[in-house]
Amino acid sequence: MTRAAVKKHLTVLSDGGLITVEPRGRERINRLEPKGMAPILDWFSYFDQFWDNRLNNLKKAIERKEK
C-alpha cells in the first residue's frame, strides 16, 4: 500500500472521529478514539434488538404450528 493510500485512509478515520492524530515533529501519532465508535455500536445495538425480536417471533410461530 502506498503512503498516499495510507494517508487517505487515516484522513477518513480522523474525519469520522474514529482516530485522533497528534503531530510530533516529523511523526504523526494516531490513536483510536473509543467515543467515535459510539454511533456504530448504537447502530449494531438497534439491529441486534431488531433481529432478536424477529427471530423470537419466528420461533413462537413455529412452535405454535408444531402443536
N, C-alpha and C. Protein backbone atom coordinates (compact mmCIF):
# COMPACT_ATOMS: atom_id res chain seq x y z
N MET A 1 0.86 -1.16 0.00
CA MET A 1 0.00 0.00 0.00
C MET A 1 0.91 1.23 0.00
N THR A 2 0.57 2.21 -0.78
CA THR A 2 1.40 3.41 -0.87
C THR A 2 1.17 4.32 0.33
N ARG A 3 2.12 5.21 0.55
CA ARG A 3 1.96 6.19 1.64
C ARG A 3 0.73 7.06 1.40
N ALA A 4 0.49 7.43 0.15
CA ALA A 4 -0.67 8.26 -0.17
C ALA A 4 -1.97 7.54 0.20
N ALA A 5 -2.03 6.25 -0.07
CA ALA A 5 -3.24 5.48 0.26
C ALA A 5 -3.43 5.39 1.77
N VAL A 6 -2.34 5.16 2.50
CA VAL A 6 -2.42 5.11 3.96
C VAL A 6 -2.89 6.45 4.49
N LYS A 7 -2.33 7.54 3.98
CA LYS A 7 -2.70 8.90 4.42
C LYS A 7 -4.19 9.14 4.16
N LYS A 8 -4.66 8.71 3.00
CA LYS A 8 -6.08 8.89 2.66
C LYS A 8 -6.98 8.14 3.65
N HIS A 9 -6.63 6.89 3.97
CA HIS A 9 -7.42 6.11 4.91
C HIS A 9 -7.40 6.73 6.31
N LEU A 10 -6.22 7.17 6.74
CA LEU A 10 -6.12 7.80 8.06
C LEU A 10 -6.91 9.11 8.12
N THR A 11 -6.93 9.85 7.02
CA THR A 11 -7.71 11.09 6.97
C THR A 11 -9.20 10.79 7.12
N VAL A 12 -9.67 9.76 6.45
CA VAL A 12 -11.08 9.37 6.55
C VAL A 12 -11.42 8.97 7.98
N LEU A 13 -10.55 8.19 8.61
CA LEU A 13 -10.78 7.78 10.00
C LEU A 13 -10.77 8.98 10.94
N SER A 14 -9.87 9.91 10.70
CA SER A 14 -9.78 11.11 11.52
C SER A 14 -11.02 11.99 11.33
N ASP A 15 -11.42 12.19 10.08
CA ASP A 15 -12.61 13.00 9.80
C ASP A 15 -13.86 12.38 10.41
N GLY A 16 -13.89 11.07 10.48
CA GLY A 16 -15.03 10.37 11.07
C GLY A 16 -14.99 10.29 12.59
N GLY A 17 -13.94 10.83 13.19
CA GLY A 17 -13.85 10.83 14.65
C GLY A 17 -13.44 9.49 15.24
N LEU A 18 -12.91 8.59 14.41
CA LEU A 18 -12.54 7.27 14.91
C LEU A 18 -11.10 7.23 15.42
N ILE A 19 -10.28 8.17 14.98
CA ILE A 19 -8.92 8.28 15.49
C ILE A 19 -8.59 9.74 15.75
N THR A 20 -7.60 9.97 16.60
CA THR A 20 -7.05 11.30 16.79
C THR A 20 -5.60 11.26 16.29
N VAL A 21 -5.15 12.40 15.80
CA VAL A 21 -3.81 12.49 15.25
C VAL A 21 -3.05 13.57 16.01
N GLU A 22 -1.88 13.18 16.52
CA GLU A 22 -1.05 14.11 17.28
C GLU A 22 0.29 14.26 16.56
N PRO A 23 0.54 15.45 15.99
CA PRO A 23 1.84 15.66 15.33
C PRO A 23 2.96 15.74 16.38
N ARG A 24 4.06 15.05 16.11
CA ARG A 24 5.26 15.09 16.96
C ARG A 24 6.46 15.24 16.04
N GLY A 25 6.85 16.48 15.79
CA GLY A 25 7.95 16.70 14.86
C GLY A 25 7.56 16.21 13.48
N ARG A 26 8.36 15.31 12.94
CA ARG A 26 8.06 14.76 11.61
C ARG A 26 7.08 13.59 11.68
N GLU A 27 6.78 13.12 12.86
CA GLU A 27 5.87 11.99 13.03
C GLU A 27 4.46 12.46 13.34
N ARG A 28 3.52 11.58 13.07
CA ARG A 28 2.12 11.81 13.45
C ARG A 28 1.66 10.57 14.20
N ILE A 29 1.25 10.75 15.46
CA ILE A 29 0.81 9.63 16.30
C ILE A 29 -0.70 9.50 16.14
N ASN A 30 -1.15 8.33 15.71
CA ASN A 30 -2.57 8.06 15.52
C ASN A 30 -3.06 7.19 16.66
N ARG A 31 -4.16 7.62 17.27
CA ARG A 31 -4.74 6.87 18.38
C ARG A 31 -6.22 6.59 18.11
N LEU A 32 -6.64 5.40 18.48
CA LEU A 32 -8.05 5.03 18.37
C LEU A 32 -8.85 5.90 19.33
N GLU A 33 -9.99 6.39 18.86
CA GLU A 33 -10.86 7.24 19.68
C GLU A 33 -12.13 6.44 20.00
N PRO A 34 -12.19 5.84 21.20
CA PRO A 34 -13.34 4.98 21.54
C PRO A 34 -14.69 5.70 21.43
N LYS A 35 -14.74 6.99 21.75
CA LYS A 35 -16.03 7.70 21.66
C LYS A 35 -16.54 7.75 20.22
N GLY A 36 -15.63 7.69 19.27
CA GLY A 36 -16.03 7.70 17.87
C GLY A 36 -16.77 6.44 17.45
N MET A 37 -16.64 5.39 18.24
CA MET A 37 -17.31 4.13 17.94
C MET A 37 -18.76 4.11 18.44
N ALA A 38 -19.15 5.06 19.25
CA ALA A 38 -20.49 5.05 19.86
C ALA A 38 -21.61 4.97 18.82
N PRO A 39 -21.60 5.79 17.75
CA PRO A 39 -22.69 5.67 16.78
C PRO A 39 -22.74 4.29 16.11
N ILE A 40 -21.59 3.71 15.88
CA ILE A 40 -21.55 2.38 15.26
C ILE A 40 -22.14 1.34 16.22
N LEU A 41 -21.76 1.43 17.49
CA LEU A 41 -22.30 0.49 18.48
C LEU A 41 -23.81 0.68 18.65
N ASP A 42 -24.28 1.92 18.59
CA ASP A 42 -25.73 2.17 18.65
C ASP A 42 -26.43 1.52 17.46
N TRP A 43 -25.83 1.64 16.29
CA TRP A 43 -26.41 1.06 15.08
C TRP A 43 -26.48 -0.45 15.21
N PHE A 44 -25.37 -1.07 15.66
CA PHE A 44 -25.36 -2.52 15.88
C PHE A 44 -26.40 -2.92 16.91
N SER A 45 -26.53 -2.16 17.97
CA SER A 45 -27.48 -2.47 19.03
C SER A 45 -28.90 -2.48 18.50
N TYR A 46 -29.23 -1.49 17.66
CA TYR A 46 -30.57 -1.42 17.08
C TYR A 46 -30.87 -2.70 16.30
N PHE A 47 -29.95 -3.08 15.42
CA PHE A 47 -30.20 -4.26 14.59
C PHE A 47 -30.12 -5.55 15.39
N ASP A 48 -29.34 -5.56 16.45
CA ASP A 48 -29.29 -6.73 17.33
C ASP A 48 -30.66 -6.95 17.95
N GLN A 49 -31.27 -5.89 18.47
CA GLN A 49 -32.62 -5.99 19.05
C GLN A 49 -33.64 -6.34 17.98
N PHE A 50 -33.52 -5.71 16.82
CA PHE A 50 -34.46 -5.96 15.72
C PHE A 50 -34.49 -7.44 15.38
N TRP A 51 -33.30 -8.04 15.17
CA TRP A 51 -33.25 -9.44 14.78
C TRP A 51 -33.61 -10.37 15.93
N ASP A 52 -33.28 -10.00 17.16
CA ASP A 52 -33.72 -10.81 18.30
C ASP A 52 -35.23 -10.90 18.34
N ASN A 53 -35.91 -9.77 18.16
CA ASN A 53 -37.38 -9.75 18.17
C ASN A 53 -37.94 -10.57 17.02
N ARG A 54 -37.39 -10.39 15.82
CA ARG A 54 -37.87 -11.12 14.65
C ARG A 54 -37.70 -12.63 14.83
N LEU A 55 -36.52 -13.03 15.29
CA LEU A 55 -36.26 -14.46 15.44
C LEU A 55 -37.09 -15.06 16.57
N ASN A 56 -37.33 -14.33 17.63
CA ASN A 56 -38.21 -14.82 18.71
C ASN A 56 -39.63 -14.99 18.19
N ASN A 57 -40.10 -14.05 17.39
CA ASN A 57 -41.45 -14.17 16.81
C ASN A 57 -41.53 -15.37 15.88
N LEU A 58 -40.48 -15.60 15.10
CA LEU A 58 -40.45 -16.75 14.20
C LEU A 58 -40.47 -18.05 15.01
N LYS A 59 -39.69 -18.10 16.07
CA LYS A 59 -39.65 -19.29 16.92
C LYS A 59 -41.03 -19.57 17.50
N LYS A 60 -41.72 -18.53 18.00
CA LYS A 60 -43.06 -18.71 18.57
C LYS A 60 -44.03 -19.22 17.51
N ALA A 61 -43.95 -18.68 16.29
CA ALA A 61 -44.85 -19.10 15.22
C ALA A 61 -44.61 -20.56 14.87
N ILE A 62 -43.36 -20.98 14.82
CA ILE A 62 -43.03 -22.36 14.51
C ILE A 62 -43.53 -23.29 15.60
N GLU A 63 -43.32 -22.89 16.86
CA GLU A 63 -43.78 -23.71 17.98
C GLU A 63 -45.29 -23.85 17.99
N ARG A 64 -46.03 -22.80 17.61
CA ARG A 64 -47.50 -22.90 17.55
C ARG A 64 -47.93 -23.86 16.46
N LYS A 65 -47.24 -23.87 15.33
CA LYS A 65 -47.59 -24.76 14.21
C LYS A 65 -47.34 -26.22 14.56
N GLU A 66 -46.32 -26.47 15.41
CA GLU A 66 -45.96 -27.84 15.77
C GLU A 66 -46.97 -28.45 16.73
N LYS A 67 -47.72 -27.64 17.45
CA LYS A 67 -48.66 -28.18 18.46
C LYS A 67 -49.93 -28.67 17.86
